Structure formats: C-alpha cells, structure tokens
C-alpha cells in the first residue's frame, strides 16, 4: 500500500508519513471580494447581497490529519520520541533563507499514489502530543497540516540539473532541418503510455526536457520551437517537435 509522502521541490528529498490519513479535506475559496468605490463598499438599501467583484485566482487548501505512534504494532521504529518522526514535517512551515537573502517557505509536493500530486506550501501545522514516558518523551502525535496549493511555480523557477541552457541563451528563431527532429506525444498525468484520458493534464515541459536533454532547464527550447506560450496548459496527447540541443549553437 502506497503511503503519503511530501517531496521537496528544490532538492527532491522525500519525507514519508507513518500512516495514510483517514480523510482529506479540500477547501476552495474563489477569488471574489465586495465591490469598492472611493467612498467605501458599494451597496444599497434595495440590494439583498453586496455586489461582488471577481478578481481571478483564489485559494485551494488541503487539510490533512496524520497519526504518528512509536508503539504501533509491526513497525521497526527505534525512537521513543515521536517528534523525531514529525519534525521534518513541522519544519515545512518554517521559513528558510533563499538565494536572494529573503526568507521563504519551501515548495513541497503532496504525493499519494497516482491519485494525489499537489504542489504547494505548508501554511500551518498543529501537533497534539500524547502518551509521555517518565522522561517526558511523547510517543504519539496527532498532526494536522494545512497545505496551500500554488501554481506560481514555473519550470524556469526550478533548480536546473545543469547549466547547459541559461534563460537568455535561446535565439529568437530556431531553424532545424526536419530530419533532425524528434517527436514526443504528451501523456495524461497518471495514465499509462498511449492511454489518453479526456481532460487529463499532460506531462510538464520540464519533465519532457529532462527526458530528452538530461536537464529540465531546456524546457524553453521546446516551448519556443512549438510556439507554446503557457507551458502549464499543454493538452494531453499533444505531439511536440523536439529539436536537437545543437539548435542553440555554442551553448550545447
């Protein structure tokens, strides 16, 4: 049985959970707010509801309740302090210093089999500790975590595997002879090769770039050659032309 895990987007580190959650709560908040004027909110005596303004976006929260217990039957846990198991997860809500010197929370991917693969940030963690030893070590933890989904991340924000292609290296036009092209048909997320599901999201361009060039940083070459403006909205089943790395000249 596949267990819930959290993958740090920058390093690829995997943080497993001891047990799968018994339930997952997903809360969606639409991007709307009351209409405003220079003198305050727009309203009127004849209105039953305040006029609303759709601002776009919104937020999606995923609430997880996780159980950790050092005395669980059949486990090979060697610690008696359950916080040794939960500390990597609670640390996800703590800010770290980024490359620009400013604090940031780590991007993390919530993964559970093929059904859940959500990128976001941990905005809140609450932990209830129980069953203390004589020395004060808690042996059980009820951990509640709030994950805020984000789509702000783009392939250019990912840590490149190599420095093969800098962001400004692409020429304005890429001209490749047809016999030097490779082709790649995108698959729907969570489907087997050749099994296209209607409406399923396709592979990301950075994943395709890593498969063909050995580095996700080359996604821009694929996007430029196929005239793709939004790398996150490539439908499953799209046939992409994959130019050779030599298309960027001296940068190969």
C-alpha atoms as a PDB file:
ATOM      1  CA  UNK A   1       0.000   0.000   0.000  1.00  0.00           C
ATOM      2  CA  UNK A   2       1.470   3.345  -1.075  1.00  0.00           C
ATOM      3  CA  UNK A   3       1.991   5.843   1.716  1.00  0.00           C
ATOM      4  CA  UNK A   4       1.533   9.585   1.676  1.00  0.00           C
ATOM      5  CA  UNK A   5       4.792  11.453   1.171  1.00  0.00           C
ATOM      6  CA  UNK A   6       5.972  15.018   0.707  1.00  0.00           C
ATOM      7  CA  UNK A   7       8.646  15.824  -1.876  1.00  0.00           C
ATOM      8  CA  UNK A   8      10.738  18.964  -1.543  1.00  0.00           C
ATOM      9  CA  UNK A   9      10.607  20.553  -4.991  1.00  0.00           C
ATOM     10  CA  UNK A  10      14.074  22.069  -4.826  1.00  0.00           C
ATOM     11  CA  UNK A  11      16.095  19.115  -3.544  1.00  0.00           C
ATOM     12  CA  UNK A  12      13.891  16.127  -4.379  1.00  0.00           C
ATOM     13  CA  UNK A  13      14.065  14.950  -0.744  1.00  0.00           C
ATOM     14  CA  UNK A  14      11.213  12.588   0.186  1.00  0.00           C
ATOM     15  CA  UNK A  15       9.543  12.905   3.603  1.00  0.00           C
ATOM     16  CA  UNK A  16       7.313   9.865   4.226  1.00  0.00           C
ATOM     17  CA  UNK A  17       4.394   9.657   6.631  1.00  0.00           C
ATOM     18  CA  UNK A  18       3.956   6.781   9.046  1.00  0.00           C
ATOM     19  CA  UNK A  19       0.313   6.130   8.103  1.00  0.00           C
ATOM     20  CA  UNK A  20      -2.066   7.355   5.418  1.00  0.00           C
ATOM     21  CA  UNK A  21      -4.678   9.914   6.526  1.00  0.00           C
ATOM     22  CA  UNK A  22      -8.168   8.601   7.200  1.00  0.00           C
ATOM     23  CA  UNK A  23      -9.637  11.654   5.457  1.00  0.00           C
ATOM     24  CA  UNK A  24      -8.549  14.636   3.358  1.00  0.00           C
ATOM     25  CA  UNK A  25     -10.437  17.940   3.432  1.00  0.00           C
ATOM     26  CA  UNK A  26     -10.151  20.172   0.366  1.00  0.00           C
ATOM     27  CA  UNK A  27     -11.423  23.735   0.714  1.00  0.00           C
ATOM     28  CA  UNK A  28     -11.717  26.097  -2.242  1.00  0.00           C
ATOM     29  CA  UNK A  29     -12.042  29.870  -1.820  1.00  0.00           C
ATOM     30  CA  UNK A  30     -12.916  31.726  -5.014  1.00  0.00           C
ATOM     31  CA  UNK A  31     -11.177  34.967  -5.964  1.00  0.00           C
ATOM     32  CA  UNK A  32     -14.049  37.367  -5.228  1.00  0.00           C
ATOM     33  CA  UNK A  33     -14.405  40.383  -2.962  1.00  0.00           C
ATOM     34  CA  UNK A  34     -17.056  43.058  -2.299  1.00  0.00           C
ATOM     35  CA  UNK A  35     -17.048  45.873  -4.829  1.00  0.00           C
ATOM     36  CA  UNK A  36     -15.475  49.072  -3.572  1.00  0.00           C
ATOM     37  CA  UNK A  37     -15.713  52.723  -4.525  1.00  0.00           C
ATOM     38  CA  UNK A  38     -13.626  55.703  -3.469  1.00  0.00           C
ATOM     39  CA  UNK A  39     -16.033  56.277  -0.569  1.00  0.00           C
ATOM     40  CA  UNK A  40     -16.205  52.644   0.583  1.00  0.00           C
ATOM     41  CA  UNK A  41     -18.102  49.431  -0.259  1.00  0.00           C
ATOM     42  CA  UNK A  42     -20.747  49.618  -2.985  1.00  0.00           C
ATOM     43  CA  UNK A  43     -24.127  48.708  -1.543  1.00  0.00           C
ATOM     44  CA  UNK A  44     -27.712  49.884  -1.444  1.00  0.00           C
ATOM     45  CA  UNK A  45     -30.913  49.573   0.558  1.00  0.00           C
ATOM     46  CA  UNK A  46     -32.637  47.642  -2.240  1.00  0.00           C
ATOM     47  CA  UNK A  47     -29.880  45.035  -2.502  1.00  0.00           C
ATOM     48  CA  UNK A  48     -30.133  41.700  -0.710  1.00  0.00           C
ATOM     49  CA  UNK A  49     -26.444  40.946  -1.245  1.00  0.00           C
ATOM     50  CA  UNK A  50     -23.372  43.113  -1.648  1.00  0.00           C
ATOM     51  CA  UNK A  51     -22.146  43.431  -5.271  1.00  0.00           C
ATOM     52  CA  UNK A  52     -19.133  41.226  -5.830  1.00  0.00           C
ATOM     53  CA  UNK A  53     -16.034  41.687  -7.951  1.00  0.00           C
ATOM     54  CA  UNK A  54     -14.342  38.641  -9.449  1.00  0.00           C
ATOM     55  CA  UNK A  55     -10.616  39.209  -9.007  1.00  0.00           C
ATOM     56  CA  UNK A  56      -9.458  35.916 -10.512  1.00  0.00           C
ATOM     57  CA  UNK A  57      -7.408  33.243  -8.846  1.00  0.00           C
ATOM     58  CA  UNK A  58      -8.496  32.170  -5.409  1.00  0.00           C
ATOM     59  CA  UNK A  59      -7.052  29.626  -2.999  1.00  0.00           C
ATOM     60  CA  UNK A  60      -7.239  25.867  -2.582  1.00  0.00           C
ATOM     61  CA  UNK A  61      -6.403  24.411   0.817  1.00  0.00           C
ATOM     62  CA  UNK A  62      -5.798  20.772   1.636  1.00  0.00           C
ATOM     63  CA  UNK A  63      -6.193  19.799   5.277  1.00  0.00           C
ATOM     64  CA  UNK A  64      -4.550  16.564   6.421  1.00  0.00           C
ATOM     65  CA  UNK A  65      -4.855  14.740   9.741  1.00  0.00           C
ATOM     66  CA  UNK A  66      -1.902  12.398  10.253  1.00  0.00           C
ATOM     67  CA  UNK A  67      -1.155   9.948  13.053  1.00  0.00           C
ATOM     68  CA  UNK A  68       2.327   9.045  14.293  1.00  0.00           C
ATOM     69  CA  UNK A  69       2.845   6.468  17.041  1.00  0.00           C
ATOM     70  CA  UNK A  70       6.184   4.976  18.104  1.00  0.00           C
ATOM     71  CA  UNK A  71       4.472   1.913  19.621  1.00  0.00           C
ATOM     72  CA  UNK A  72       2.482   0.913  16.536  1.00  0.00           C
ATOM     73  CA  UNK A  73       2.399  -2.856  16.057  1.00  0.00           C
ATOM     74  CA  UNK A  74       4.685  -4.348  13.422  1.00  0.00           C
ATOM     75  CA  UNK A  75       6.790  -1.214  12.866  1.00  0.00           C
ATOM     76  CA  UNK A  76      10.579  -1.013  13.042  1.00  0.00           C
ATOM     77  CA  UNK A  77      10.670   2.389  14.742  1.00  0.00           C
ATOM     78  CA  UNK A  78      13.654   2.708  17.055  1.00  0.00           C
ATOM     79  CA  UNK A  79      12.949   6.082  18.695  1.00  0.00           C
ATOM     80  CA  UNK A  80      10.690   6.647  21.695  1.00  0.00           C
ATOM     81  CA  UNK A  81      10.173  10.368  20.984  1.00  0.00           C
ATOM     82  CA  UNK A  82       7.553  10.690  18.256  1.00  0.00           C
ATOM     83  CA  UNK A  83       8.821  14.183  17.404  1.00  0.00           C
ATOM     84  CA  UNK A  84      11.783  12.550  15.683  1.00  0.00           C
ATOM     85  CA  UNK A  85       9.241  11.343  13.104  1.00  0.00           C
ATOM     86  CA  UNK A  86       7.192  14.532  12.826  1.00  0.00           C
ATOM     87  CA  UNK A  87       9.975  17.137  12.957  1.00  0.00           C
ATOM     88  CA  UNK A  88      10.703  17.016   9.162  1.00  0.00           C
ATOM     89  CA  UNK A  89       7.012  17.774   8.507  1.00  0.00           C
ATOM     90  CA  UNK A  90       6.636  20.564  11.068  1.00  0.00           C
ATOM     91  CA  UNK A  91       9.794  22.155   9.631  1.00  0.00           C
ATOM     92  CA  UNK A  92       7.960  22.632   6.313  1.00  0.00           C
ATOM     93  CA  UNK A  93       6.069  25.545   7.895  1.00  0.00           C
ATOM     94  CA  UNK A  94       9.290  27.265   8.963  1.00  0.00           C
ATOM     95  CA  UNK A  95      10.875  29.814   6.666  1.00  0.00           C
ATOM     96  CA  UNK A  96      14.354  29.345   5.255  1.00  0.00           C
ATOM     97  CA  UNK A  97      16.679  31.896   3.688  1.00  0.00           C
ATOM     98  CA  UNK A  98      16.544  31.913  -0.099  1.00  0.00           C
ATOM     99  CA  UNK A  99      19.312  32.660  -2.564  1.00  0.00           C
ATOM    100  CA  UNK A 100      18.247  36.325  -2.644  1.00  0.00           C
ATOM    101  CA  UNK A 101      18.686  36.643   1.130  1.00  0.00           C
ATOM    102  CA  UNK A 102      14.950  36.830   1.829  1.00  0.00           C
ATOM    103  CA  UNK A 103      13.042  34.249   3.840  1.00  0.00           C
ATOM    104  CA  UNK A 104      10.750  31.798   2.095  1.00  0.00           C
ATOM    105  CA  UNK A 105       8.828  28.627   2.835  1.00  0.00           C
ATOM    106  CA  UNK A 106       9.840  25.574   0.815  1.00  0.00           C
ATOM    107  CA  UNK A 107       7.767  24.399  -2.122  1.00  0.00           C
ATOM    108  CA  UNK A 108       6.591  20.880  -1.405  1.00  0.00           C
ATOM    109  CA  UNK A 109       4.644  18.325  -3.414  1.00  0.00           C
ATOM    110  CA  UNK A 110       1.949  16.246  -1.666  1.00  0.00           C
ATOM    111  CA  UNK A 111       2.012  12.809  -3.295  1.00  0.00           C
ATOM    112  CA  UNK A 112      -0.238   9.819  -2.586  1.00  0.00           C
ATOM    113  CA  UNK A 113      -0.103   7.081  -5.220  1.00  0.00           C
ATOM    114  CA  UNK A 114      -1.384   8.249  -8.599  1.00  0.00           C
ATOM    115  CA  UNK A 115      -4.451   9.993  -7.190  1.00  0.00           C
ATOM    116  CA  UNK A 116      -2.756  12.956  -5.477  1.00  0.00           C
ATOM    117  CA  UNK A 117       0.071  15.120  -6.763  1.00  0.00           C
ATOM    118  CA  UNK A 118      -0.321  18.680  -5.488  1.00  0.00           C
ATOM    119  CA  UNK A 119       2.318  21.401  -5.362  1.00  0.00           C
ATOM    120  CA  UNK A 120       2.040  23.943  -2.573  1.00  0.00           C
ATOM    121  CA  UNK A 121       3.382  25.366   0.650  1.00  0.00           C
ATOM    122  CA  UNK A 122       2.627  24.297   4.215  1.00  0.00           C
ATOM    123  CA  UNK A 123       0.977  27.291   5.872  1.00  0.00           C
ATOM    124  CA  UNK A 124       0.076  25.797   9.246  1.00  0.00           C
ATOM    125  CA  UNK A 125       0.875  22.780  11.404  1.00  0.00           C
ATOM    126  CA  UNK A 126      -0.780  21.809  14.699  1.00  0.00           C
ATOM    127  CA  UNK A 127       0.511  18.873  16.723  1.00  0.00           C
ATOM    128  CA  UNK A 128      -1.138  17.224  19.722  1.00  0.00           C
ATOM    129  CA  UNK A 129       1.256  15.034  21.712  1.00  0.00           C
ATOM    130  CA  UNK A 130       0.161  12.135  23.913  1.00  0.00           C
ATOM    131  CA  UNK A 131       1.433   9.139  25.930  1.00  0.00           C
ATOM    132  CA  UNK A 132       4.513  10.600  27.566  1.00  0.00           C
ATOM    133  CA  UNK A 133       7.288   8.483  29.031  1.00  0.00           C
ATOM    134  CA  UNK A 134       8.611   9.080  32.524  1.00  0.00           C
ATOM    135  CA  UNK A 135      11.280  11.265  30.953  1.00  0.00           C
ATOM    136  CA  UNK A 136       8.700  13.441  29.159  1.00  0.00           C
ATOM    137  CA  UNK A 137       9.071  11.973  25.636  1.00  0.00           C
ATOM    138  CA  UNK A 138       5.773  11.908  23.716  1.00  0.00           C
ATOM    139  CA  UNK A 139       5.059   8.618  21.961  1.00  0.00           C
ATOM    140  CA  UNK A 140       2.003   9.612  19.916  1.00  0.00           C
ATOM    141  CA  UNK A 141       1.321  12.637  17.718  1.00  0.00           C
ATOM    142  CA  UNK A 142      -1.869  13.792  16.050  1.00  0.00           C
ATOM    143  CA  UNK A 143      -0.558  16.106  13.336  1.00  0.00           C
ATOM    144  CA  UNK A 144      -2.862  18.455  11.442  1.00  0.00           C
ATOM    145  CA  UNK A 145      -1.329  20.121   8.383  1.00  0.00           C
ATOM    146  CA  UNK A 146      -2.690  22.821   6.081  1.00  0.00           C
ATOM    147  CA  UNK A 147      -1.263  22.846   2.534  1.00  0.00           C
ATOM    148  CA  UNK A 148      -1.984  25.839   0.314  1.00  0.00           C
ATOM    149  CA  UNK A 149      -1.861  24.897  -3.357  1.00  0.00           C
ATOM    150  CA  UNK A 150       0.184  27.116  -5.636  1.00  0.00           C
ATOM    151  CA  UNK A 151       0.604  27.390  -9.386  1.00  0.00           C
ATOM    152  CA  UNK A 152       3.070  30.282  -9.157  1.00  0.00           C
ATOM    153  CA  UNK A 153       5.941  27.888  -9.784  1.00  0.00           C
ATOM    154  CA  UNK A 154       7.066  27.559 -13.398  1.00  0.00           C
ATOM    155  CA  UNK A 155       9.798  25.391 -14.881  1.00  0.00           C
ATOM    156  CA  UNK A 156      12.157  28.392 -15.013  1.00  0.00           C
ATOM    157  CA  UNK A 157      11.956  28.607 -11.200  1.00  0.00           C
ATOM    158  CA  UNK A 158      13.126  25.037 -10.776  1.00  0.00           C
ATOM    159  CA  UNK A 159      16.713  24.360  -9.796  1.00  0.00           C
ATOM    160  CA  UNK A 160      18.345  23.198 -13.057  1.00  0.00           C
ATOM    161  CA  UNK A 161      20.202  19.907 -13.105  1.00  0.00           C
ATOM    162  CA  UNK A 162      22.957  21.544 -15.137  1.00  0.00           C
ATOM    163  CA  UNK A 163      23.863  24.934 -16.566  1.00  0.00           C
ATOM    164  CA  UNK A 164      23.535  23.760 -20.179  1.00  0.00           C
ATOM    165  CA  UNK A 165      20.992  26.426 -21.058  1.00  0.00           C
ATOM    166  CA  UNK A 166      20.700  29.816 -19.408  1.00  0.00           C
ATOM    167  CA  UNK A 167      17.406  31.684 -19.688  1.00  0.00           C
ATOM    168  CA  UNK A 168      18.758  34.221 -22.168  1.00  0.00           C
ATOM    169  CA  UNK A 169      20.530  31.744 -24.433  1.00  0.00           C
ATOM    170  CA  UNK A 170      17.675  30.962 -26.830  1.00  0.00           C
ATOM    171  CA  UNK A 171      17.809  32.570 -30.268  1.00  0.00           C
ATOM    172  CA  UNK A 172      14.759  34.496 -31.447  1.00  0.00           C
ATOM    173  CA  UNK A 173      14.144  31.921 -34.192  1.00  0.00           C
ATOM    174  CA  UNK A 174      15.048  28.237 -34.182  1.00  0.00           C
ATOM    175  CA  UNK A 175      15.511  26.647 -37.605  1.00  0.00           C
ATOM    176  CA  UNK A 176      16.016  22.866 -37.616  1.00  0.00           C
ATOM    177  CA  UNK A 177      16.024  20.513 -40.649  1.00  0.00           C
ATOM    178  CA  UNK A 178      13.069  18.079 -40.464  1.00  0.00           C
ATOM    179  CA  UNK A 179      15.327  15.023 -40.445  1.00  0.00           C
ATOM    180  CA  UNK A 180      16.992  16.217 -37.213  1.00  0.00           C
ATOM    181  CA  UNK A 181      13.727  16.497 -35.273  1.00  0.00           C
ATOM    182  CA  UNK A 182      12.480  14.091 -32.636  1.00  0.00           C
ATOM    183  CA  UNK A 183       8.845  13.864 -31.590  1.00  0.00           C
ATOM    184  CA  UNK A 184       7.157  13.407 -28.236  1.00  0.00           C
ATOM    185  CA  UNK A 185       3.439  12.879 -27.593  1.00  0.00           C
ATOM    186  CA  UNK A 186       2.405  14.083 -24.150  1.00  0.00           C
ATOM    187  CA  UNK A 187       0.708  11.646 -21.792  1.00  0.00           C
ATOM    188  CA  UNK A 188      -2.018  12.447 -19.306  1.00  0.00           C
ATOM    189  CA  UNK A 189      -0.900  12.603 -15.693  1.00  0.00           C
ATOM    190  CA  UNK A 190      -1.311   9.223 -14.024  1.00  0.00           C
ATOM    191  CA  UNK A 191      -2.045   7.317 -17.240  1.00  0.00           C
ATOM    192  CA  UNK A 192      -0.020   4.701 -18.994  1.00  0.00           C
ATOM    193  CA  UNK A 193       1.715   5.441 -22.282  1.00  0.00           C
ATOM    194  CA  UNK A 194      -0.861   5.529 -25.053  1.00  0.00           C
ATOM    195  CA  UNK A 195      -3.782   5.776 -22.623  1.00  0.00           C
ATOM    196  CA  UNK A 196      -5.136   9.285 -23.157  1.00  0.00           C
ATOM    197  CA  UNK A 197      -7.922  10.386 -20.848  1.00  0.00           C
ATOM    198  CA  UNK A 198     -10.145  13.239 -21.914  1.00  0.00           C
ATOM    199  CA  UNK A 199      -9.424  16.336 -19.875  1.00  0.00           C
ATOM    200  CA  UNK A 200      -6.373  14.907 -18.111  1.00  0.00           C
ATOM    201  CA  UNK A 201      -3.389  17.185 -17.617  1.00  0.00           C
ATOM    202  CA  UNK A 202      -0.309  16.423 -19.668  1.00  0.00           C
ATOM    203  CA  UNK A 203       3.320  15.977 -18.738  1.00  0.00           C
ATOM    204  CA  UNK A 204       5.146  19.167 -17.836  1.00  0.00           C
ATOM    205  CA  UNK A 205       7.614  20.576 -20.344  1.00  0.00           C
ATOM    206  CA  UNK A 206      10.429  20.459 -17.813  1.00  0.00           C
ATOM    207  CA  UNK A 207       9.849  16.696 -17.409  1.00  0.00           C
ATOM    208  CA  UNK A 208       9.973  16.221 -21.172  1.00  0.00           C
ATOM    209  CA  UNK A 209      13.137  18.351 -21.409  1.00  0.00           C
ATOM    210  CA  UNK A 210      14.801  16.267 -18.698  1.00  0.00           C
ATOM    211  CA  UNK A 211      13.934  13.067 -20.593  1.00  0.00           C
ATOM    212  CA  UNK A 212      15.326  14.283 -23.943  1.00  0.00           C
ATOM    213  CA  UNK A 213      18.184  16.572 -22.883  1.00  0.00           C
ATOM    214  CA  UNK A 214      19.059  15.405 -19.378  1.00  0.00           C
ATOM    215  CA  UNK A 215      18.128  18.769 -17.841  1.00  0.00           C
ATOM    216  CA  UNK A 216      14.736  20.394 -17.080  1.00  0.00           C
ATOM    217  CA  UNK A 217      16.300  23.794 -17.852  1.00  0.00           C
ATOM    218  CA  UNK A 218      15.880  23.076 -21.583  1.00  0.00           C
ATOM    219  CA  UNK A 219      12.077  23.357 -21.435  1.00  0.00           C
ATOM    220  CA  UNK A 220      12.282  26.809 -23.035  1.00  0.00           C
ATOM    221  CA  UNK A 221      13.755  25.368 -26.212  1.00  0.00           C
ATOM    222  CA  UNK A 222      10.772  23.021 -26.598  1.00  0.00           C
ATOM    223  CA  UNK A 223       8.314  25.812 -25.774  1.00  0.00           C
ATOM    224  CA  UNK A 224       9.896  28.238 -28.272  1.00  0.00           C
ATOM    225  CA  UNK A 225      10.070  25.686 -31.072  1.00  0.00           C
ATOM    226  CA  UNK A 226       6.409  24.651 -30.634  1.00  0.00           C
ATOM    227  CA  UNK A 227       5.104  28.222 -30.102  1.00  0.00           C
ATOM    228  CA  UNK A 228       3.853  27.427 -26.603  1.00  0.00           C
ATOM    229  CA  UNK A 229       3.047  30.498 -24.523  1.00  0.00           C
ATOM    230  CA  UNK A 230       1.901  28.707 -21.365  1.00  0.00           C
ATOM    231  CA  UNK A 231       3.934  25.577 -20.523  1.00  0.00           C
ATOM    232  CA  UNK A 232       1.320  24.554 -17.939  1.00  0.00           C
ATOM    233  CA  UNK A 233      -1.523  24.316 -20.466  1.00  0.00           C
ATOM    234  CA  UNK A 234      -0.300  21.743 -22.973  1.00  0.00           C
ATOM    235  CA  UNK A 235      -3.167  19.252 -23.504  1.00  0.00           C
ATOM    236  CA  UNK A 236      -2.544  15.542 -23.111  1.00  0.00           C
ATOM    237  CA  UNK A 237      -1.926  13.925 -26.496  1.00  0.00           C
ATOM    238  CA  UNK A 238      -0.164  16.960 -27.981  1.00  0.00           C
ATOM    239  CA  UNK A 239       2.549  15.976 -30.470  1.00  0.00           C
ATOM    240  CA  UNK A 240       5.637  18.067 -29.716  1.00  0.00           C
ATOM    241  CA  UNK A 241       8.597  18.586 -32.016  1.00  0.00           C
ATOM    242  CA  UNK A 242      11.856  18.127 -30.087  1.00  0.00           C
ATOM    243  CA  UNK A 243      14.798  19.988 -31.692  1.00  0.00           C
ATOM    244  CA  UNK A 244      18.368  18.822 -31.070  1.00  0.00           C
ATOM    245  CA  UNK A 245      20.472  20.560 -28.430  1.00  0.00           C
ATOM    246  CA  UNK A 246      22.658  21.952 -31.221  1.00  0.00           C
ATOM    247  CA  UNK A 247      19.808  24.364 -32.033  1.00  0.00           C
ATOM    248  CA  UNK A 248      21.258  26.846 -29.544  1.00  0.00           C
ATOM    249  CA  UNK A 249      24.654  26.866 -31.185  1.00  0.00           C
ATOM    250  CA  UNK A 250      27.620  27.418 -28.888  1.00  0.00           C
ATOM    251  CA  UNK A 251      25.546  26.749 -25.759  1.00  0.00           C
ATOM    252  CA  UNK A 252      25.340  22.991 -26.338  1.00  0.00           C
END
